[in-house]
Amino acid sequence: MRNSIFFILLVIISGCVSSDATYTLYRNSVTDENMRIHVATFDASEGHDYNQGNCKIASELFQKQDGTKTKFWCEKGIYKK
């Protein structure tokens, strides 16, 4: 429950922050490798390098999980469908 509230607040706040320093983590689907699924948005006030670095670390950690069949990647900017 706590994580759900945090995620909702993160999404709301991300709409209010400039996308110049924002990075978004995506993954594809097991059944559709071209699908883009939003995982997380990194938009801390520490700036571009901080957000890019944390997104990269998160993508690598997700990718290294045993049995992972999806691809994780980061893109500069806010969530785009």
PDB file of N, CA and C in Angstrom:
ATOM      1  N   MET A   1       0.826  -1.192   0.000  1.00  0.00           N
ATOM      2  CA  MET A   1       0.000   0.000   0.000  1.00  0.00           C
ATOM      3  C   MET A   1       0.870   1.256   0.000  1.00  0.00           C
ATOM      4  N   ARG A   2       1.901   1.239   0.812  1.00  0.00           N
ATOM      5  CA  ARG A   2       2.783   2.393   0.910  1.00  0.00           C
ATOM      6  C   ARG A   2       3.473   2.660  -0.429  1.00  0.00           C
ATOM      7  N   ASN A   3       3.930   1.582  -1.099  1.00  0.00           N
ATOM      8  CA  ASN A   3       4.579   1.737  -2.398  1.00  0.00           C
ATOM      9  C   ASN A   3       3.609   2.264  -3.443  1.00  0.00           C
ATOM     10  N   SER A   4       2.352   1.843  -3.373  1.00  0.00           N
ATOM     11  CA  SER A   4       1.346   2.318  -4.316  1.00  0.00           C
ATOM     12  C   SER A   4       1.132   3.817  -4.172  1.00  0.00           C
ATOM     13  N   ILE A   5       1.063   4.283  -2.946  1.00  0.00           N
ATOM     14  CA  ILE A   5       0.878   5.712  -2.693  1.00  0.00           C
ATOM     15  C   ILE A   5       2.097   6.484  -3.196  1.00  0.00           C
ATOM     16  N   PHE A   6       3.292   5.974  -2.923  1.00  0.00           N
ATOM     17  CA  PHE A   6       4.515   6.611  -3.385  1.00  0.00           C
ATOM     18  C   PHE A   6       4.535   6.692  -4.909  1.00  0.00           C
ATOM     19  N   PHE A   7       4.156   5.604  -5.581  1.00  0.00           N
ATOM     20  CA  PHE A   7       4.145   5.575  -7.039  1.00  0.00           C
ATOM     21  C   PHE A   7       3.161   6.594  -7.594  1.00  0.00           C
ATOM     22  N   ILE A   8       1.977   6.679  -7.016  1.00  0.00           N
ATOM     23  CA  ILE A   8       0.966   7.631  -7.476  1.00  0.00           C
ATOM     24  C   ILE A   8       1.476   9.060  -7.302  1.00  0.00           C
ATOM     25  N   LEU A   9       2.077   9.351  -6.157  1.00  0.00           N
ATOM     26  CA  LEU A   9       2.629  10.686  -5.929  1.00  0.00           C
ATOM     27  C   LEU A   9       3.752  10.985  -6.912  1.00  0.00           C
ATOM     28  N   LEU A  10       4.576  10.006  -7.196  1.00  0.00           N
ATOM     29  CA  LEU A  10       5.672  10.187  -8.142  1.00  0.00           C
ATOM     30  C   LEU A  10       5.149  10.531  -9.526  1.00  0.00           C
ATOM     31  N   VAL A  11       4.108   9.851  -9.956  1.00  0.00           N
ATOM     32  CA  VAL A  11       3.512  10.119 -11.259  1.00  0.00           C
ATOM     33  C   VAL A  11       2.915  11.522 -11.299  1.00  0.00           C
ATOM     34  N   ILE A  12       2.223  11.917 -10.245  1.00  0.00           N
ATOM     35  CA  ILE A  12       1.617  13.254 -10.188  1.00  0.00           C
ATOM     36  C   ILE A  12       2.694  14.328 -10.211  1.00  0.00           C
ATOM     37  N   ILE A  13       3.706  14.150  -9.406  1.00  0.00           N
ATOM     38  CA  ILE A  13       4.792  15.131  -9.334  1.00  0.00           C
ATOM     39  C   ILE A  13       5.547  15.201 -10.644  1.00  0.00           C
ATOM     40  N   SER A  14       5.721  14.076 -11.314  1.00  0.00           N
ATOM     41  CA  SER A  14       6.486  14.065 -12.561  1.00  0.00           C
ATOM     42  C   SER A  14       5.848  14.953 -13.622  1.00  0.00           C
ATOM     43  N   GLY A  15       4.545  15.159 -13.552  1.00  0.00           N
ATOM     44  CA  GLY A  15       3.866  16.039 -14.485  1.00  0.00           C
ATOM     45  C   GLY A  15       4.158  17.503 -14.232  1.00  0.00           C
ATOM     46  N   CYS A  16       4.701  17.810 -13.070  1.00  0.00           N
ATOM     47  CA  CYS A  16       4.963  19.194 -12.694  1.00  0.00           C
ATOM     48  C   CYS A  16       6.429  19.583 -12.837  1.00  0.00           C
ATOM     49  N   VAL A  17       7.271  18.656 -13.182  1.00  0.00           N
ATOM     50  CA  VAL A  17       8.710  18.888 -13.223  1.00  0.00           C
ATOM     51  C   VAL A  17       9.180  18.980 -14.673  1.00  0.00           C
ATOM     52  N   SER A  18      10.147  19.837 -14.915  1.00  0.00           N
ATOM     53  CA  SER A  18      10.722  19.951 -16.251  1.00  0.00           C
ATOM     54  C   SER A  18      11.338  18.625 -16.669  1.00  0.00           C
ATOM     55  N   SER A  19      11.199  18.278 -17.938  1.00  0.00           N
ATOM     56  CA  SER A  19      11.713  16.997 -18.413  1.00  0.00           C
ATOM     57  C   SER A  19      13.174  17.065 -18.825  1.00  0.00           C
ATOM     58  N   ASP A  20      13.829  18.224 -18.691  1.00  0.00           N
ATOM     59  CA  ASP A  20      15.224  18.360 -19.094  1.00  0.00           C
ATOM     60  C   ASP A  20      16.150  17.418 -18.344  1.00  0.00           C
ATOM     61  N   ALA A  21      15.840  17.137 -17.081  1.00  0.00           N
ATOM     62  CA  ALA A  21      16.692  16.282 -16.264  1.00  0.00           C
ATOM     63  C   ALA A  21      15.997  14.971 -15.909  1.00  0.00           C
ATOM     64  N   THR A  22      14.860  14.713 -16.508  1.00  0.00           N
ATOM     65  CA  THR A  22      14.056  13.545 -16.172  1.00  0.00           C
ATOM     66  C   THR A  22      14.403  12.353 -17.062  1.00  0.00           C
ATOM     67  N   TYR A  23      14.442  11.180 -16.458  1.00  0.00           N
ATOM     68  CA  TYR A  23      14.630   9.928 -17.196  1.00  0.00           C
ATOM     69  C   TYR A  23      13.513   8.974 -16.818  1.00  0.00           C
ATOM     70  N   THR A  24      13.095   8.167 -17.778  1.00  0.00           N
ATOM     71  CA  THR A  24      12.025   7.209 -17.558  1.00  0.00           C
ATOM     72  C   THR A  24      12.513   5.813 -17.885  1.00  0.00           C
ATOM     73  N   LEU A  25      12.177   4.879 -17.003  1.00  0.00           N
ATOM     74  CA  LEU A  25      12.532   3.471 -17.169  1.00  0.00           C
ATOM     75  C   LEU A  25      11.351   2.739 -17.788  1.00  0.00           C
ATOM     76  N   TYR A  26      11.626   2.004 -18.853  1.00  0.00           N
ATOM     77  CA  TYR A  26      10.610   1.227 -19.559  1.00  0.00           C
ATOM     78  C   TYR A  26      11.022  -0.236 -19.610  1.00  0.00           C
ATOM     79  N   ARG A  27      10.043  -1.087 -19.933  1.00  0.00           N
ATOM     80  CA  ARG A  27      10.323  -2.480 -20.240  1.00  0.00           C
ATOM     81  C   ARG A  27       9.390  -2.898 -21.359  1.00  0.00           C
ATOM     82  N   ASN A  28       9.754  -3.969 -22.022  1.00  0.00           N
ATOM     83  CA  ASN A  28       8.836  -4.500 -23.032  1.00  0.00           C
ATOM     84  C   ASN A  28       8.012  -5.619 -22.417  1.00  0.00           C
ATOM     85  N   SER A  29       7.248  -6.314 -23.232  1.00  0.00           N
ATOM     86  CA  SER A  29       6.385  -7.400 -22.785  1.00  0.00           C
ATOM     87  C   SER A  29       6.960  -8.728 -23.242  1.00  0.00           C
ATOM     88  N   VAL A  30       6.691  -9.769 -22.498  1.00  0.00           N
ATOM     89  CA  VAL A  30       7.130 -11.109 -22.892  1.00  0.00           C
ATOM     90  C   VAL A  30       6.483 -11.494 -24.219  1.00  0.00           C
ATOM     91  N   THR A  31       5.266 -11.045 -24.431  1.00  0.00           N
ATOM     92  CA  THR A  31       4.533 -11.428 -25.642  1.00  0.00           C
ATOM     93  C   THR A  31       4.676 -10.432 -26.778  1.00  0.00           C
ATOM     94  N   ASP A  32       5.186  -9.216 -26.496  1.00  0.00           N
ATOM     95  CA  ASP A  32       5.340  -8.196 -27.530  1.00  0.00           C
ATOM     96  C   ASP A  32       6.594  -7.384 -27.242  1.00  0.00           C
ATOM     97  N   GLU A  33       7.673  -7.703 -27.952  1.00  0.00           N
ATOM     98  CA  GLU A  33       8.944  -7.036 -27.672  1.00  0.00           C
ATOM     99  C   GLU A  33       8.953  -5.568 -28.083  1.00  0.00           C
ATOM    100  N   ASN A  34       7.967  -5.112 -28.848  1.00  0.00           N
ATOM    101  CA  ASN A  34       7.876  -3.704 -29.233  1.00  0.00           C
ATOM    102  C   ASN A  34       7.022  -2.877 -28.280  1.00  0.00           C
ATOM    103  N   MET A  35       6.405  -3.514 -27.298  1.00  0.00           N
ATOM    104  CA  MET A  35       5.572  -2.802 -26.331  1.00  0.00           C
ATOM    105  C   MET A  35       6.455  -2.005 -25.377  1.00  0.00           C
ATOM    106  N   ARG A  36       5.993  -0.800 -25.022  1.00  0.00           N
ATOM    107  CA  ARG A  36       6.714   0.067 -24.078  1.00  0.00           C
ATOM    108  C   ARG A  36       5.861   0.190 -22.821  1.00  0.00           C
ATOM    109  N   ILE A  37       6.332  -0.380 -21.743  1.00  0.00           N
ATOM    110  CA  ILE A  37       5.597  -0.349 -20.470  1.00  0.00           C
ATOM    111  C   ILE A  37       6.372   0.517 -19.484  1.00  0.00           C
ATOM    112  N   HIS A  38       5.692   1.514 -18.926  1.00  0.00           N
ATOM    113  CA  HIS A  38       6.313   2.418 -17.958  1.00  0.00           C
ATOM    114  C   HIS A  38       6.600   1.671 -16.661  1.00  0.00           C
ATOM    115  N   VAL A  39       7.822   1.805 -16.163  1.00  0.00           N
ATOM    116  CA  VAL A  39       8.211   1.176 -14.898  1.00  0.00           C
ATOM    117  C   VAL A  39       8.423   2.244 -13.829  1.00  0.00           C
ATOM    118  N   ALA A  40       9.182   3.281 -14.144  1.00  0.00           N
ATOM    119  CA  ALA A  40       9.496   4.317 -13.150  1.00  0.00           C
ATOM    120  C   ALA A  40       9.942   5.598 -13.840  1.00  0.00           C
ATOM    121  N   THR A  41       9.794   6.701 -13.129  1.00  0.00           N
ATOM    122  CA  THR A  41      10.266   7.993 -13.605  1.00  0.00           C
ATOM    123  C   THR A  41      11.269   8.532 -12.597  1.00  0.00           C
ATOM    124  N   PHE A  42      12.402   8.998 -13.091  1.00  0.00           N
ATOM    125  CA  PHE A  42      13.467   9.546 -12.251  1.00  0.00           C
ATOM    126  C   PHE A  42      13.551  11.043 -12.528  1.00  0.00           C
ATOM    127  N   ASP A  43      13.123  11.838 -11.557  1.00  0.00           N
ATOM    128  CA  ASP A  43      13.077  13.290 -11.750  1.00  0.00           C
ATOM    129  C   ASP A  43      13.474  14.041 -10.481  1.00  0.00           C
ATOM    130  N   ALA A  44      14.464  13.531  -9.787  1.00  0.00           N
ATOM    131  CA  ALA A  44      14.933  14.169  -8.556  1.00  0.00           C
ATOM    132  C   ALA A  44      15.543  15.540  -8.870  1.00  0.00           C
ATOM    133  N   SER A  45      15.523  16.408  -7.920  1.00  0.00           N
ATOM    134  CA  SER A  45      16.033  17.770  -8.110  1.00  0.00           C
ATOM    135  C   SER A  45      17.558  17.823  -8.230  1.00  0.00           C
ATOM    136  N   GLU A  46      18.235  16.700  -7.997  1.00  0.00           N
ATOM    137  CA  GLU A  46      19.698  16.663  -8.100  1.00  0.00           C
ATOM    138  C   GLU A  46      20.187  16.796  -9.535  1.00  0.00           C
ATOM    139  N   GLY A  47      19.302  16.617 -10.512  1.00  0.00           N
ATOM    140  CA  GLY A  47      19.667  16.912 -11.890  1.00  0.00           C
ATOM    141  C   GLY A  47      19.855  15.722 -12.811  1.00  0.00           C
ATOM    142  N   HIS A  48      20.268  16.068 -14.019  1.00  0.00           N
ATOM    143  CA  HIS A  48      20.409  15.134 -15.142  1.00  0.00           C
ATOM    144  C   HIS A  48      21.253  13.909 -14.809  1.00  0.00           C
ATOM    145  N   ASP A  49      22.505  14.121 -14.402  1.00  0.00           N
ATOM    146  CA  ASP A  49      23.424  12.996 -14.163  1.00  0.00           C
ATOM    147  C   ASP A  49      22.908  12.057 -13.083  1.00  0.00           C
ATOM    148  N   TYR A  50      22.338  12.622 -12.047  1.00  0.00           N
ATOM    149  CA  TYR A  50      21.797  11.835 -10.940  1.00  0.00           C
ATOM    150  C   TYR A  50      20.639  10.958 -11.417  1.00  0.00           C
ATOM    151  N   ASN A  51      19.711  11.562 -12.129  1.00  0.00           N
ATOM    152  CA  ASN A  51      18.550  10.821 -12.615  1.00  0.00           C
ATOM    153  C   ASN A  51      18.936   9.775 -13.660  1.00  0.00           C
ATOM    154  N   GLN A  52      19.813  10.148 -14.568  1.00  0.00           N
ATOM    155  CA  GLN A  52      20.271   9.202 -15.583  1.00  0.00           C
ATOM    156  C   GLN A  52      20.989   8.018 -14.927  1.00  0.00           C
ATOM    157  N   GLY A  53      21.842   8.298 -13.968  1.00  0.00           N
ATOM    158  CA  GLY A  53      22.582   7.240 -13.278  1.00  0.00           C
ATOM    159  C   GLY A  53      21.671   6.291 -12.523  1.00  0.00           C
ATOM    160  N   ASN A  54      20.698   6.836 -11.806  1.00  0.00           N
ATOM    161  CA  ASN A  54      19.770   5.979 -11.058  1.00  0.00           C
ATOM    162  C   ASN A  54      18.895   5.150 -11.980  1.00  0.00           C
ATOM    163  N   CYS A  55      18.484   5.720 -13.102  1.00  0.00           N
ATOM    164  CA  CYS A  55      17.685   4.968 -14.066  1.00  0.00           C
ATOM    165  C   CYS A  55      18.512   3.813 -14.633  1.00  0.00           C
ATOM    166  N   LYS A  56      19.754   4.092 -14.952  1.00  0.00           N
ATOM    167  CA  LYS A  56      20.638   3.050 -15.502  1.00  0.00           C
ATOM    168  C   LYS A  56      20.850   1.930 -14.483  1.00  0.00           C
ATOM    169  N   ILE A  57      21.101   2.289 -13.243  1.00  0.00           N
ATOM    170  CA  ILE A  57      21.294   1.283 -12.192  1.00  0.00           C
ATOM    171  C   ILE A  57      20.041   0.429 -12.041  1.00  0.00           C
ATOM    172  N   ALA A  58      18.885   1.073 -12.008  1.00  0.00           N
ATOM    173  CA  ALA A  58      17.625   0.336 -11.868  1.00  0.00           C
ATOM    174  C   ALA A  58      17.417  -0.615 -13.036  1.00  0.00           C
ATOM    175  N   SER A  59      17.669  -0.146 -14.256  1.00  0.00           N
ATOM    176  CA  SER A  59      17.474  -1.009 -15.426  1.00  0.00           C
ATOM    177  C   SER A  59      18.395  -2.218 -15.374  1.00  0.00           C
ATOM    178  N   GLU A  60      19.636  -2.010 -14.942  1.00  0.00           N
ATOM    179  CA  GLU A  60      20.593  -3.119 -14.848  1.00  0.00           C
ATOM    180  C   GLU A  60      20.170  -4.120 -13.772  1.00  0.00           C
ATOM    181  N   LEU A  61      19.697  -3.619 -12.628  1.00  0.00           N
ATOM    182  CA  LEU A  61      19.268  -4.517 -11.556  1.00  0.00           C
ATOM    183  C   LEU A  61      18.050  -5.340 -11.969  1.00  0.00           C
ATOM    184  N   PHE A  62      17.078  -4.694 -12.607  1.00  0.00           N
ATOM    185  CA  PHE A  62      15.908  -5.436 -13.099  1.00  0.00           C
ATOM    186  C   PHE A  62      16.333  -6.478 -14.128  1.00  0.00           C
ATOM    187  N   GLN A  63      17.224  -6.091 -15.041  1.00  0.00           N
ATOM    188  CA  GLN A  63      17.636  -6.984 -16.122  1.00  0.00           C
ATOM    189  C   GLN A  63      18.379  -8.204 -15.601  1.00  0.00           C
ATOM    190  N   LYS A  64      19.124  -8.050 -14.509  1.00  0.00           N
ATOM    191  CA  LYS A  64      19.943  -9.139 -13.969  1.00  0.00           C
ATOM    192  C   LYS A  64      19.166 -10.131 -13.111  1.00  0.00           C
ATOM    193  N   GLN A  65      17.884  -9.884 -12.871  1.00  0.00           N
ATOM    194  CA  GLN A  65      17.098 -10.816 -12.069  1.00  0.00           C
ATOM    195  C   GLN A  65      16.995 -12.161 -12.790  1.00  0.00           C
ATOM    196  N   ASP A  66      17.123 -13.230 -12.034  1.00  0.00           N
ATOM    197  CA  ASP A  66      16.992 -14.569 -12.611  1.00  0.00           C
ATOM    198  C   ASP A  66      15.636 -14.735 -13.276  1.00  0.00           C
ATOM    199  N   GLY A  67      15.648 -15.298 -14.465  1.00  0.00           N
ATOM    200  CA  GLY A  67      14.412 -15.599 -15.170  1.00  0.00           C
ATOM    201  C   GLY A  67      13.788 -14.430 -15.906  1.00  0.00           C
ATOM    202  N   THR A  68      14.454 -13.276 -15.931  1.00  0.00           N
ATOM    203  CA  THR A  68      13.899 -12.115 -16.621  1.00  0.00           C
ATOM    204  C   THR A  68      13.875 -12.366 -18.122  1.00  0.00           C
ATOM    205  N   LYS A  69      12.695 -12.200 -18.712  1.00  0.00           N
ATOM    206  CA  LYS A  69      12.541 -12.430 -20.147  1.00  0.00           C
ATOM    207  C   LYS A  69      12.191 -11.149 -20.889  1.00  0.00           C
ATOM    208  N   THR A  70      12.170 -10.043 -20.168  1.00  0.00           N
ATOM    209  CA  THR A  70      11.870  -8.759 -20.789  1.00  0.00           C
ATOM    210  C   THR A  70      13.117  -7.899 -20.815  1.00  0.00           C
ATOM    211  N   LYS A  71      13.084  -6.866 -21.634  1.00  0.00           N
ATOM    212  CA  LYS A  71      14.201  -5.937 -21.744  1.00  0.00           C
ATOM    213  C   LYS A  71      13.829  -4.650 -21.004  1.00  0.00           C
ATOM    214  N   PHE A  72      14.762  -4.084 -20.254  1.00  0.00           N
ATOM    215  CA  PHE A  72      14.586  -2.823 -19.539  1.00  0.00           C
ATOM    216  C   PHE A  72      15.521  -1.783 -20.141  1.00  0.00           C
ATOM    217  N   TRP A  73      15.037  -0.534 -20.285  1.00  0.00           N
ATOM    218  CA  TRP A  73      15.874   0.526 -20.822  1.00  0.00           C
ATOM    219  C   TRP A  73      15.391   1.883 -20.319  1.00  0.00           C
ATOM    220  N   CYS A  74      16.284   2.869 -20.408  1.00  0.00           N
ATOM    221  CA  CYS A  74      15.986   4.240 -19.976  1.00  0.00           C
ATOM    222  C   CYS A  74      15.903   5.143 -21.200  1.00  0.00           C
ATOM    223  N   GLU A  75      15.026   6.129 -21.099  1.00  0.00           N
ATOM    224  CA  GLU A  75      14.933   7.178 -22.111  1.00  0.00           C
ATOM    225  C   GLU A  75      14.878   8.522 -21.409  1.00  0.00           C
ATOM    226  N   LYS A  76      15.531   9.500 -22.023  1.00  0.00           N
ATOM    227  CA  LYS A  76      15.492  10.850 -21.490  1.00  0.00           C
ATOM    228  C   LYS A  76      14.091  11.418 -21.674  1.00  0.00           C
ATOM    229  N   GLY A  77      13.595  12.084 -20.643  1.00  0.00           N
ATOM    230  CA  GLY A  77      12.296  12.738 -20.710  1.00  0.00           C
ATOM    231  C   GLY A  77      11.248  12.032 -19.871  1.00  0.00           C
ATOM    232  N   ILE A  78      10.057  12.628 -19.886  1.00  0.00           N
ATOM    233  CA  ILE A  78       8.949  12.078 -19.119  1.00  0.00           C
ATOM    234  C   ILE A  78       8.314  10.918 -19.883  1.00  0.00           C
ATOM    235  N   TYR A  79       7.461  10.178 -19.208  1.00  0.00           N
ATOM    236  CA  TYR A  79       6.780   9.008 -19.781  1.00  0.00           C
ATOM    237  C   TYR A  79       6.036   9.381 -21.056  1.00  0.00           C
ATOM    238  N   LYS A  80       6.282   8.576 -22.092  1.00  0.00           N
ATOM    239  CA  LYS A  80       5.588   8.727 -23.362  1.00  0.00           C
ATOM    240  C   LYS A  80       5.007   7.374 -23.744  1.00  0.00           C
ATOM    241  N   LYS A  81       3.763   7.358 -24.172  1.00  0.00           N
ATOM    242  CA  LYS A  81       3.122   6.107 -24.589  1.00  0.00           C
ATOM    243  C   LYS A  81       3.736   5.585 -25.860  1.00  0.00           C
TER     244      LYS A  81
END
